[in-house]
Amino acid sequence: MAEQAVISRITTGMRVVDTVGVEIGTVDLVQRGDPNAVTVQASTADPGGSLDELIESVAVEEPDVPADLAARLLRTGYLKVSTELARTGAVYVLADQIATVTDDEVRLSVPVGDLPPEE
């Protein structure tokens, strides 16, 4: 419950800093946890023949990580952080990796190297 209270104070655009003070980037997405989330459903869309159907079939659902990690992120809650420090341009932060939240900053309890990148 404490993680949910902390994550509810975070908004998009806030700065994110890791445990040693490295500025990672900014919050792009805030997702509260759902303790009942146990699986991630893969897209079953058939690309069909239209451009709209093709675009819909390749649309990425969040979080864009391996299924076991996605299930954990969905259960605990997470942040998606836009960053230039990851090849893919974004990393994910589990709710339990958040140390403190101020008016404009999220400080993490882990170094940036411990954060899973978006796939």
C-alpha atoms as a PDB file:
ATOM      1  CA  MET A   1       0.000   0.000   0.000  1.00  0.00           C
ATOM      2  CA  ALA A   2       2.856   2.433   0.748  1.00  0.00           C
ATOM      3  CA  GLU A   3       4.098   2.123  -2.846  1.00  0.00           C
ATOM      4  CA  GLN A   4       0.631   3.019  -4.166  1.00  0.00           C
ATOM      5  CA  ALA A   5       0.526   6.147  -1.989  1.00  0.00           C
ATOM      6  CA  VAL A   6       3.958   7.195  -3.285  1.00  0.00           C
ATOM      7  CA  ILE A   7       3.180   6.467  -6.938  1.00  0.00           C
ATOM      8  CA  SER A   8      -0.073   8.434  -6.714  1.00  0.00           C
ATOM      9  CA  ARG A   9       1.997  11.590  -6.010  1.00  0.00           C
ATOM     10  CA  ILE A  10       3.927  11.269  -9.293  1.00  0.00           C
ATOM     11  CA  THR A  11       2.894  13.024 -12.502  1.00  0.00           C
ATOM     12  CA  THR A  12       4.207  12.929 -16.042  1.00  0.00           C
ATOM     13  CA  GLY A  13       7.044  15.315 -16.729  1.00  0.00           C
ATOM     14  CA  MET A  14       8.676  14.998 -13.297  1.00  0.00           C
ATOM     15  CA  ARG A  15      12.476  14.623 -13.216  1.00  0.00           C
ATOM     16  CA  VAL A  16      13.805  11.181 -12.240  1.00  0.00           C
ATOM     17  CA  VAL A  17      17.140  10.819 -10.427  1.00  0.00           C
ATOM     18  CA  ASP A  18      18.809   7.544  -9.468  1.00  0.00           C
ATOM     19  CA  THR A  19      20.254   6.605  -6.073  1.00  0.00           C
ATOM     20  CA  VAL A  20      23.661   8.214  -6.769  1.00  0.00           C
ATOM     21  CA  GLY A  21      22.233  11.445  -8.193  1.00  0.00           C
ATOM     22  CA  VAL A  22      22.403  10.699 -11.923  1.00  0.00           C
ATOM     23  CA  GLU A  23      19.546  12.443 -13.721  1.00  0.00           C
ATOM     24  CA  ILE A  24      17.839   9.696 -15.723  1.00  0.00           C
ATOM     25  CA  GLY A  25      15.118  11.623 -17.540  1.00  0.00           C
ATOM     26  CA  THR A  26      11.446  12.474 -17.113  1.00  0.00           C
ATOM     27  CA  VAL A  27       8.344  10.487 -16.221  1.00  0.00           C
ATOM     28  CA  ASP A  28       6.467   9.555 -19.395  1.00  0.00           C
ATOM     29  CA  LEU A  29       3.842   7.228 -17.887  1.00  0.00           C
ATOM     30  CA  VAL A  30       2.570   6.487 -14.374  1.00  0.00           C
ATOM     31  CA  GLN A  31       0.787   3.180 -13.813  1.00  0.00           C
ATOM     32  CA  ARG A  32      -0.670   2.249 -10.437  1.00  0.00           C
ATOM     33  CA  GLY A  33      -0.378  -1.382  -9.418  1.00  0.00           C
ATOM     34  CA  ASP A  34      -3.079  -3.999  -9.733  1.00  0.00           C
ATOM     35  CA  PRO A  35      -2.470  -6.879  -7.306  1.00  0.00           C
ATOM     36  CA  ASN A  36      -4.788  -9.065  -9.406  1.00  0.00           C
ATOM     37  CA  ALA A  37      -2.725  -8.664 -12.584  1.00  0.00           C
ATOM     38  CA  VAL A  38      -1.051 -12.004 -13.140  1.00  0.00           C
ATOM     39  CA  THR A  39      -0.602 -12.276 -16.881  1.00  0.00           C
ATOM     40  CA  VAL A  40      -0.046 -10.115 -19.894  1.00  0.00           C
ATOM     41  CA  GLN A  41      -2.209 -10.886 -22.882  1.00  0.00           C
ATOM     42  CA  ALA A  42      -0.343 -10.964 -26.170  1.00  0.00           C
ATOM     43  CA  SER A  43      -1.966  -9.222 -29.077  1.00  0.00           C
ATOM     44  CA  THR A  44      -3.999 -11.625 -31.191  1.00  0.00           C
ATOM     45  CA  ALA A  45      -4.841  -9.090 -33.900  1.00  0.00           C
ATOM     46  CA  ASP A  46      -4.584 -10.350 -37.461  1.00  0.00           C
ATOM     47  CA  PRO A  47      -2.915  -7.694 -39.608  1.00  0.00           C
ATOM     48  CA  GLY A  48      -5.586  -8.105 -42.304  1.00  0.00           C
ATOM     49  CA  GLY A  49      -5.430  -6.025 -45.423  1.00  0.00           C
ATOM     50  CA  SER A  50      -5.967  -2.399 -44.401  1.00  0.00           C
ATOM     51  CA  LEU A  51      -3.292  -0.005 -43.213  1.00  0.00           C
ATOM     52  CA  ASP A  52      -5.318   0.762 -40.058  1.00  0.00           C
ATOM     53  CA  GLU A  53      -5.453  -2.940 -39.161  1.00  0.00           C
ATOM     54  CA  LEU A  54      -1.705  -3.274 -39.751  1.00  0.00           C
ATOM     55  CA  ILE A  55      -0.924  -0.282 -37.528  1.00  0.00           C
ATOM     56  CA  GLU A  56      -3.226  -1.619 -34.806  1.00  0.00           C
ATOM     57  CA  SER A  57      -1.572  -5.049 -34.931  1.00  0.00           C
ATOM     58  CA  VAL A  58       1.893  -3.642 -34.233  1.00  0.00           C
ATOM     59  CA  ALA A  59       0.853  -1.085 -31.609  1.00  0.00           C
ATOM     60  CA  VAL A  60       2.886  -1.732 -28.494  1.00  0.00           C
ATOM     61  CA  GLU A  61       1.088  -2.327 -25.232  1.00  0.00           C
ATOM     62  CA  GLU A  62       2.672  -1.160 -22.008  1.00  0.00           C
ATOM     63  CA  PRO A  63       4.882  -2.229 -20.434  1.00  0.00           C
ATOM     64  CA  ASP A  64       7.073  -3.251 -23.376  1.00  0.00           C
ATOM     65  CA  VAL A  65       9.277  -5.781 -21.553  1.00  0.00           C
ATOM     66  CA  PRO A  66       9.419  -9.602 -21.313  1.00  0.00           C
ATOM     67  CA  ALA A  67       6.151 -11.134 -20.040  1.00  0.00           C
ATOM     68  CA  ASP A  68       7.399 -12.169 -16.572  1.00  0.00           C
ATOM     69  CA  LEU A  69       8.714  -8.667 -15.853  1.00  0.00           C
ATOM     70  CA  ALA A  70       5.578  -7.087 -17.375  1.00  0.00           C
ATOM     71  CA  ALA A  71       3.391  -9.085 -14.968  1.00  0.00           C
ATOM     72  CA  ARG A  72       5.489  -7.905 -12.017  1.00  0.00           C
ATOM     73  CA  LEU A  73       5.326  -4.265 -13.189  1.00  0.00           C
ATOM     74  CA  LEU A  74       1.553  -4.476 -13.596  1.00  0.00           C
ATOM     75  CA  ARG A  75       1.117  -5.969 -10.104  1.00  0.00           C
ATOM     76  CA  THR A  76       3.354  -3.491  -8.267  1.00  0.00           C
ATOM     77  CA  GLY A  77       2.849  -0.370 -10.378  1.00  0.00           C
ATOM     78  CA  TYR A  78       5.548   1.347 -12.395  1.00  0.00           C
ATOM     79  CA  LEU A  79       6.872   4.433 -14.104  1.00  0.00           C
ATOM     80  CA  LYS A  80       8.040   4.638 -17.679  1.00  0.00           C
ATOM     81  CA  VAL A  81      10.881   7.143 -17.886  1.00  0.00           C
ATOM     82  CA  SER A  82      12.026   8.788 -21.116  1.00  0.00           C
ATOM     83  CA  THR A  83      15.818   8.859 -21.131  1.00  0.00           C
ATOM     84  CA  GLU A  84      18.822   9.275 -23.373  1.00  0.00           C
ATOM     85  CA  LEU A  85      20.710   6.794 -21.171  1.00  0.00           C
ATOM     86  CA  ALA A  86      18.996   3.750 -22.737  1.00  0.00           C
ATOM     87  CA  ARG A  87      19.340   2.634 -26.339  1.00  0.00           C
ATOM     88  CA  THR A  88      15.549   2.363 -26.699  1.00  0.00           C
ATOM     89  CA  GLY A  89      14.853   5.788 -25.179  1.00  0.00           C
ATOM     90  CA  ALA A  90      12.967   4.568 -22.111  1.00  0.00           C
ATOM     91  CA  VAL A  91      13.370   2.543 -18.914  1.00  0.00           C
ATOM     92  CA  TYR A  92      10.861   1.200 -16.401  1.00  0.00           C
ATOM     93  CA  VAL A  93      10.876   1.792 -12.636  1.00  0.00           C
ATOM     94  CA  LEU A  94       9.036  -0.572 -10.287  1.00  0.00           C
ATOM     95  CA  ALA A  95       7.047   1.176  -7.571  1.00  0.00           C
ATOM     96  CA  ASP A  96       9.261  -0.397  -4.883  1.00  0.00           C
ATOM     97  CA  GLN A  97      12.352   1.214  -6.487  1.00  0.00           C
ATOM     98  CA  ILE A  98      11.057   4.722  -5.690  1.00  0.00           C
ATOM     99  CA  ALA A  99      12.796   6.181  -2.612  1.00  0.00           C
ATOM    100  CA  THR A 100      11.240   9.657  -2.352  1.00  0.00           C
ATOM    101  CA  VAL A 101       8.980  12.039  -4.237  1.00  0.00           C
ATOM    102  CA  THR A 102       9.159  15.835  -3.975  1.00  0.00           C
ATOM    103  CA  ASP A 103       7.128  18.460  -5.822  1.00  0.00           C
ATOM    104  CA  ASP A 104       9.215  18.124  -8.996  1.00  0.00           C
ATOM    105  CA  GLU A 105      11.499  15.091  -8.579  1.00  0.00           C
ATOM    106  CA  VAL A 106      11.384  11.333  -8.166  1.00  0.00           C
ATOM    107  CA  ARG A 107      14.464   9.866  -6.465  1.00  0.00           C
ATOM    108  CA  LEU A 108      15.092   6.147  -6.875  1.00  0.00           C
ATOM    109  CA  SER A 109      16.634   3.611  -4.512  1.00  0.00           C
ATOM    110  CA  VAL A 110      18.594   1.933  -7.339  1.00  0.00           C
ATOM    111  CA  PRO A 111      21.175   3.027  -9.938  1.00  0.00           C
ATOM    112  CA  VAL A 112      20.055   3.619 -13.514  1.00  0.00           C
ATOM    113  CA  GLY A 113      21.886   0.447 -14.616  1.00  0.00           C
ATOM    114  CA  ASP A 114      19.393  -1.658 -12.620  1.00  0.00           C
ATOM    115  CA  LEU A 115      16.364  -0.358 -14.556  1.00  0.00           C
ATOM    116  CA  PRO A 116      14.982  -2.550 -17.342  1.00  0.00           C
ATOM    117  CA  PRO A 117      14.945  -0.823 -20.743  1.00  0.00           C
ATOM    118  CA  GLU A 118      11.934  -0.723 -23.025  1.00  0.00           C
ATOM    119  CA  GLU A 119      12.205  -3.394 -25.712  1.00  0.00           C
END
